[in-house]
Amino acid sequence: MSASGQALRELVGRRSGELVPGAFNALSAKIIADLGFGACYVSGAGVTNMSLGLPDQGFMGLSEIAEHTARIREVVELPLLVDADTGFGNALNVRHTVRVLERAGADCIQFEDQISPKRCGHFDGKAVIAADEAVTKIKAAVEARADPDLLIMARTDAAAVDGFDAAVERARAFGAAGADLLFVEAVTDRDQLLALPGLVDQPLVANLVIGGKTPIVSAAELAAAGYGIILYANAALQGAVLGMQRALGALRERGRIAESDGLVVGFAERQRLVDKPAWDELERRYS
């Protein structure tokens, strides 16, 4: 049993609206930890956008998300919630995915019920697999885990396809199949978003995509409604992109850029974030 897995299970069980940002690589995860967040989400969209330069439309495979999870686990002790898309196939693939990501350091693995190739939950044109097949995949995920503290998160995209009530029905079925954490994606109505925790038994994730289909509701309101996790899966990514555009735009325009411009992090801070002083001390010890 992992300490981070136990910590995540306790955190989710409080249903107090824990704010969880998404990471797209090891450094972004270290920044999340450095700022004092209690958990980190390894974002499939983030990995796809930032590492492959592609939209979130099923281009990421198991090897990419496992590699990023392992790299992040190496440098942070935070509980890690990992986006495994559709599980990369059928129930047998889901079982394999759980074993691979658990070894890589995941404390929670998320599976969704879209057809493959999936697409971002806030894109148009989504479709979902049959409910019974989706339930079977969640059962396979639950049975595959070696650590009982590993959480299985079940996401449904049915709200955009069959309506809110159908999505709630699927979420309940996923909970009955053993899912520890439920995720109803792209709820577009504020009242429905706030009512959702009262309609299911398991803790819930609220996914707030900046510029997406779900209304941005305050963390205080979502916590009061009973959400376990308030997910900002790609806030770091969007902030990083804006920062790069501003810094490089200034460089292009002016032909120079310096720390004093306020557009880049300082050299010393950059070294602090990657633990340069600790590595220097190790080098002295081994010399």
Protein backbone atom coordinates (compact mmCIF):
# COMPACT_ATOMS: atom_id res chain seq x y z
CA MET A 1 0.00 0.00 0.00
CA SER A 2 1.37 3.42 -0.95
CA ALA A 3 1.29 6.43 1.35
CA SER A 4 0.20 8.65 -1.54
CA GLY A 5 -2.64 6.25 -2.40
CA GLN A 6 -3.90 6.23 1.16
CA ALA A 7 -3.65 10.03 1.28
CA LEU A 8 -5.68 10.35 -1.92
CA ARG A 9 -8.37 7.96 -0.70
CA GLU A 10 -8.73 10.02 2.49
CA LEU A 11 -8.72 13.30 0.56
CA VAL A 12 -11.43 12.16 -1.85
CA GLY A 13 -13.51 10.71 0.96
CA ARG A 14 -13.76 14.07 2.70
CA ARG A 15 -15.72 15.46 -0.27
CA SER A 16 -14.42 18.91 0.55
CA GLY A 17 -13.69 20.08 -2.98
CA GLU A 18 -9.92 19.58 -3.20
CA LEU A 19 -8.47 21.72 -6.00
CA VAL A 20 -6.35 19.54 -8.27
CA PRO A 21 -4.41 21.02 -11.21
CA GLY A 22 -3.25 18.96 -14.17
CA ALA A 23 0.37 18.40 -15.13
CA PHE A 24 1.73 17.79 -18.62
CA ASN A 25 5.30 16.89 -17.66
CA ALA A 26 7.57 16.47 -14.64
CA LEU A 27 8.40 20.16 -14.19
CA SER A 28 4.76 21.22 -14.25
CA ALA A 29 4.08 18.57 -11.59
CA LYS A 30 6.94 19.92 -9.47
CA ILE A 31 5.45 23.42 -9.68
CA ILE A 32 2.07 22.03 -8.56
CA ALA A 33 3.76 20.39 -5.57
CA ASP A 34 5.85 23.48 -4.83
CA LEU A 35 2.71 25.63 -4.66
CA GLY A 36 1.20 23.35 -2.03
CA PHE A 37 -1.57 21.54 -3.89
CA GLY A 38 -2.65 18.26 -2.34
CA ALA A 39 -2.72 16.12 -5.50
CA CYS A 40 -1.82 16.23 -9.20
CA TYR A 41 -3.68 15.06 -12.29
CA VAL A 42 -1.60 13.65 -15.16
CA SER A 43 -3.54 15.05 -18.10
CA GLY A 44 -3.96 13.09 -21.31
CA ALA A 45 -4.86 16.27 -23.16
CA GLY A 46 -1.82 17.95 -21.64
CA VAL A 47 0.54 15.17 -22.70
CA THR A 48 -1.00 15.09 -26.19
CA ASN A 49 -0.87 18.87 -26.67
CA MET A 50 2.51 19.56 -25.13
CA SER A 51 4.50 16.45 -26.06
CA LEU A 52 2.94 15.48 -29.38
CA GLY A 53 1.71 18.89 -30.55
CA LEU A 54 -1.66 17.34 -31.42
CA PRO A 55 -5.29 17.85 -30.34
CA ASP A 56 -6.86 15.59 -27.71
CA GLN A 57 -8.37 13.11 -30.17
CA GLY A 58 -6.97 9.74 -29.18
CA PHE A 59 -3.41 10.19 -30.40
CA MET A 60 -1.86 9.40 -27.01
CA GLY A 61 -1.10 5.76 -26.26
CA LEU A 62 -0.44 3.80 -23.09
CA SER A 63 3.33 4.10 -23.47
CA GLU A 64 3.20 7.91 -23.53
CA ILE A 65 1.02 8.28 -20.44
CA ALA A 66 2.95 5.58 -18.56
CA GLU A 67 6.28 7.24 -19.33
CA HIS A 68 5.03 10.64 -18.18
CA THR A 69 3.51 9.12 -15.04
CA ALA A 70 6.79 7.43 -14.14
CA ARG A 71 8.77 10.62 -14.71
CA ILE A 72 6.36 12.62 -12.57
CA ARG A 73 6.35 9.99 -9.82
CA GLU A 74 10.13 10.17 -9.72
CA VAL A 75 10.11 13.85 -8.75
CA VAL A 76 6.95 14.40 -6.66
CA GLU A 77 5.38 12.59 -3.73
CA LEU A 78 1.88 13.97 -4.37
CA PRO A 79 -0.98 11.57 -5.07
CA LEU A 80 -1.26 11.14 -8.84
CA LEU A 81 -4.56 10.83 -10.70
CA VAL A 82 -3.79 9.55 -14.20
CA ASP A 83 -5.89 9.96 -17.33
CA ALA A 84 -6.01 6.64 -19.22
CA ASP A 85 -8.56 7.74 -21.83
CA THR A 86 -10.68 4.72 -22.87
CA GLY A 87 -8.17 2.22 -21.49
CA PHE A 88 -6.71 1.82 -24.98
CA GLY A 89 -9.05 -0.98 -26.03
CA ASN A 90 -11.49 -3.47 -24.53
CA ALA A 91 -11.73 -4.88 -21.01
CA LEU A 92 -8.55 -6.91 -21.45
CA ASN A 93 -6.65 -3.80 -22.53
CA VAL A 94 -8.08 -1.97 -19.52
CA ARG A 95 -6.73 -4.67 -17.24
CA HIS A 96 -3.28 -4.32 -18.81
CA THR A 97 -3.47 -0.53 -18.56
CA VAL A 98 -4.16 -0.71 -14.83
CA ARG A 99 -1.16 -2.96 -14.21
CA VAL A 100 1.16 -0.76 -16.28
CA LEU A 101 0.06 2.55 -14.74
CA GLU A 102 0.02 1.17 -11.22
CA ARG A 103 3.66 0.13 -11.64
CA ALA A 104 4.41 3.59 -13.07
CA GLY A 105 3.18 5.23 -9.86
CA ALA A 106 -0.50 6.08 -10.39
CA ASP A 107 -2.70 6.40 -7.29
CA CYS A 108 -5.90 6.78 -9.30
CA ILE A 109 -6.59 5.79 -12.91
CA GLN A 110 -9.36 7.37 -14.96
CA PHE A 111 -11.30 5.50 -17.65
CA GLU A 112 -13.99 6.95 -19.89
CA ASP A 113 -16.83 5.49 -21.93
CA GLN A 114 -16.23 7.10 -25.32
CA ILE A 115 -15.75 5.08 -28.45
CA SER A 116 -12.17 4.88 -29.67
CA PRO A 117 -10.54 7.06 -30.85
CA LYS A 118 -11.82 9.36 -28.12
CA ARG A 119 -11.82 13.13 -28.23
CA CYS A 120 -11.64 15.90 -25.66
CA GLY A 121 -14.76 15.92 -23.51
CA HIS A 122 -15.44 19.51 -24.51
CA PHE A 123 -15.27 18.89 -28.27
CA ASP A 124 -18.36 18.31 -30.36
CA GLY A 125 -19.04 15.02 -32.12
CA LYS A 126 -18.49 12.62 -29.22
CA ALA A 127 -20.00 9.13 -29.07
CA VAL A 128 -20.12 6.58 -26.24
CA ILE A 129 -19.94 2.79 -26.14
CA ALA A 130 -22.86 0.69 -24.90
CA ALA A 131 -23.50 1.02 -21.18
CA ASP A 132 -22.99 -2.68 -20.46
CA GLU A 133 -19.61 -2.67 -22.22
CA ALA A 134 -18.56 0.42 -20.25
CA VAL A 135 -19.56 -1.25 -16.97
CA THR A 136 -17.57 -4.37 -17.88
CA LYS A 137 -14.47 -2.25 -18.48
CA ILE A 138 -14.82 -0.63 -15.05
CA LYS A 139 -15.19 -4.08 -13.46
CA ALA A 140 -12.01 -5.19 -15.24
CA ALA A 141 -10.16 -2.13 -13.92
CA VAL A 142 -11.31 -2.76 -10.35
CA GLU A 143 -10.27 -6.41 -10.48
CA ALA A 144 -6.88 -5.65 -12.04
CA ARG A 145 -5.43 -3.48 -9.28
CA ALA A 146 -2.80 -5.00 -7.02
CA ASP A 147 -2.89 -2.21 -4.41
CA PRO A 148 -6.30 -1.93 -2.73
CA ASP A 149 -5.64 1.79 -2.22
CA LEU A 150 -5.46 2.40 -5.98
CA LEU A 151 -8.58 4.33 -6.94
CA ILE A 152 -10.51 3.71 -10.15
CA MET A 153 -12.16 6.82 -11.58
CA ALA A 154 -15.02 6.23 -14.01
CA ARG A 155 -15.89 9.01 -16.42
CA THR A 156 -18.94 9.22 -18.63
CA ASP A 157 -19.36 11.50 -21.64
CA ALA A 158 -23.00 10.50 -22.07
CA ALA A 159 -24.37 13.91 -21.04
CA ALA A 160 -23.42 15.35 -24.43
CA VAL A 161 -24.79 12.33 -26.31
CA ASP A 162 -27.87 11.10 -24.45
CA GLY A 163 -28.54 13.85 -21.90
CA PHE A 164 -27.91 14.50 -18.23
CA ASP A 165 -30.23 11.81 -16.86
CA ALA A 166 -28.56 9.13 -18.96
CA ALA A 167 -25.17 10.29 -17.71
CA VAL A 168 -26.32 10.03 -14.10
CA GLU A 169 -27.63 6.52 -14.77
CA ARG A 170 -24.26 5.50 -16.19
CA ALA A 171 -22.39 7.05 -13.27
CA ARG A 172 -24.53 5.07 -10.83
CA ALA A 173 -23.82 1.87 -12.76
CA PHE A 174 -20.10 2.59 -12.65
CA GLY A 175 -20.30 3.09 -8.90
CA ALA A 176 -22.14 -0.22 -8.53
CA ALA A 177 -19.37 -1.86 -10.58
CA GLY A 178 -16.79 -0.75 -8.03
CA ALA A 179 -15.56 2.65 -9.22
CA ASP A 180 -14.24 4.73 -6.33
CA LEU A 181 -14.60 8.12 -7.97
CA LEU A 182 -17.12 9.31 -10.56
CA PHE A 183 -16.72 11.92 -13.29
CA VAL A 184 -19.63 13.21 -15.38
CA GLU A 185 -17.97 15.19 -18.14
CA ALA A 186 -19.14 18.40 -19.81
CA VAL A 187 -22.22 19.19 -17.73
CA THR A 188 -23.45 22.42 -19.26
CA ASP A 189 -26.12 23.48 -16.75
CA ARG A 190 -25.00 25.10 -13.51
CA ASP A 191 -27.90 23.76 -11.45
CA GLN A 192 -27.30 20.23 -12.69
CA LEU A 193 -23.60 20.54 -11.87
CA LEU A 194 -24.39 21.52 -8.28
CA ALA A 195 -27.10 18.87 -7.91
CA LEU A 196 -24.97 15.99 -9.18
CA PRO A 197 -23.28 14.97 -5.88
CA GLY A 198 -26.70 14.32 -4.37
CA LEU A 199 -27.62 11.92 -7.18
CA VAL A 200 -24.82 9.38 -6.78
CA ASP A 201 -23.23 7.55 -3.85
CA GLN A 202 -19.52 7.81 -4.69
CA PRO A 203 -17.36 10.97 -4.54
CA LEU A 204 -17.34 13.07 -7.69
CA VAL A 205 -14.93 15.06 -9.83
CA ALA A 206 -15.96 18.45 -11.22
CA ASN A 207 -13.89 19.19 -14.32
CA LEU A 208 -13.63 22.90 -15.02
CA VAL A 209 -12.18 23.45 -18.46
CA ILE A 210 -11.25 27.07 -19.04
CA GLY A 211 -13.15 28.03 -22.19
CA GLY A 212 -15.01 24.70 -22.22
CA LYS A 213 -18.66 23.70 -21.97
CA THR A 214 -19.03 23.48 -18.17
CA PRO A 215 -19.76 26.73 -16.33
CA ILE A 216 -16.93 27.89 -14.06
CA VAL A 217 -18.34 27.60 -10.53
CA SER A 218 -16.36 28.63 -7.46
CA ALA A 219 -14.48 26.04 -5.46
CA ALA A 220 -16.46 27.04 -2.36
CA GLU A 221 -19.78 26.30 -4.06
CA LEU A 222 -18.60 22.97 -5.46
CA ALA A 223 -17.20 21.96 -2.08
CA ALA A 224 -20.50 22.85 -0.42
CA ALA A 225 -22.29 20.73 -3.03
CA GLY A 226 -20.15 17.75 -1.97
CA TYR A 227 -17.57 17.30 -4.74
CA GLY A 228 -14.44 15.38 -3.80
CA ILE A 229 -12.18 16.84 -6.49
CA ILE A 230 -12.32 20.11 -8.41
CA LEU A 231 -10.17 19.50 -11.45
CA TYR A 232 -8.44 22.17 -13.50
CA ALA A 233 -6.84 19.69 -15.87
CA ASN A 234 -5.16 22.15 -18.21
CA ALA A 235 -4.87 25.45 -16.35
CA ALA A 236 -1.09 24.97 -16.13
CA LEU A 237 -0.90 24.13 -19.84
CA GLN A 238 -2.91 27.18 -20.88
CA GLY A 239 -0.88 29.39 -18.56
CA ALA A 240 2.37 27.98 -19.94
CA VAL A 241 1.30 28.53 -23.54
CA LEU A 242 0.34 32.14 -22.80
CA GLY A 243 3.65 32.68 -21.01
CA MET A 244 5.62 31.29 -23.94
CA GLN A 245 3.68 33.38 -26.43
CA ARG A 246 4.28 36.56 -24.44
CA ALA A 247 7.97 35.93 -23.78
CA LEU A 248 8.83 34.80 -27.29
CA GLY A 249 6.66 37.49 -28.83
CA ALA A 250 8.63 40.09 -26.90
CA LEU A 251 11.90 38.47 -27.98
CA ARG A 252 10.81 38.53 -31.62
CA GLU A 253 9.71 42.14 -31.40
CA ARG A 254 12.58 43.59 -29.38
CA GLY A 255 15.46 41.29 -30.26
CA ARG A 256 16.28 40.76 -26.58
CA ILE A 257 14.69 39.57 -23.35
CA ALA A 258 15.83 39.75 -19.73
CA GLU A 259 14.62 38.72 -16.27
CA SER A 260 13.88 42.38 -15.53
CA ASP A 261 11.19 42.36 -18.25
CA GLY A 262 8.99 40.24 -15.98
CA LEU A 263 8.21 37.79 -18.77
CA VAL A 264 10.40 34.85 -17.70
CA VAL A 265 11.18 33.13 -14.43
CA GLY A 266 14.58 34.00 -13.02
CA PHE A 267 17.60 31.74 -13.54
CA ALA A 268 17.95 31.05 -9.80
CA GLU A 269 14.27 30.16 -9.44
CA ARG A 270 14.50 27.81 -12.38
CA GLN A 271 17.40 26.00 -10.71
CA ARG A 272 15.54 25.84 -7.39
CA LEU A 273 12.55 24.18 -9.04
CA VAL A 274 14.73 21.42 -10.49
CA ASP A 275 16.58 20.89 -7.16
CA LYS A 276 19.97 22.10 -8.37
CA PRO A 277 21.19 22.79 -4.78
CA ALA A 278 20.39 19.22 -3.74
CA TRP A 279 22.26 17.83 -6.75
CA ASP A 280 25.23 20.10 -5.95
CA GLU A 281 25.32 18.69 -2.42
CA LEU A 282 25.27 15.14 -3.78
CA GLU A 283 28.10 15.98 -6.15
CA ARG A 284 30.16 17.29 -3.22
CA ARG A 285 29.42 14.16 -1.19
CA TYR A 286 30.41 11.77 -3.97
CA SER A 287 33.54 13.76 -4.78
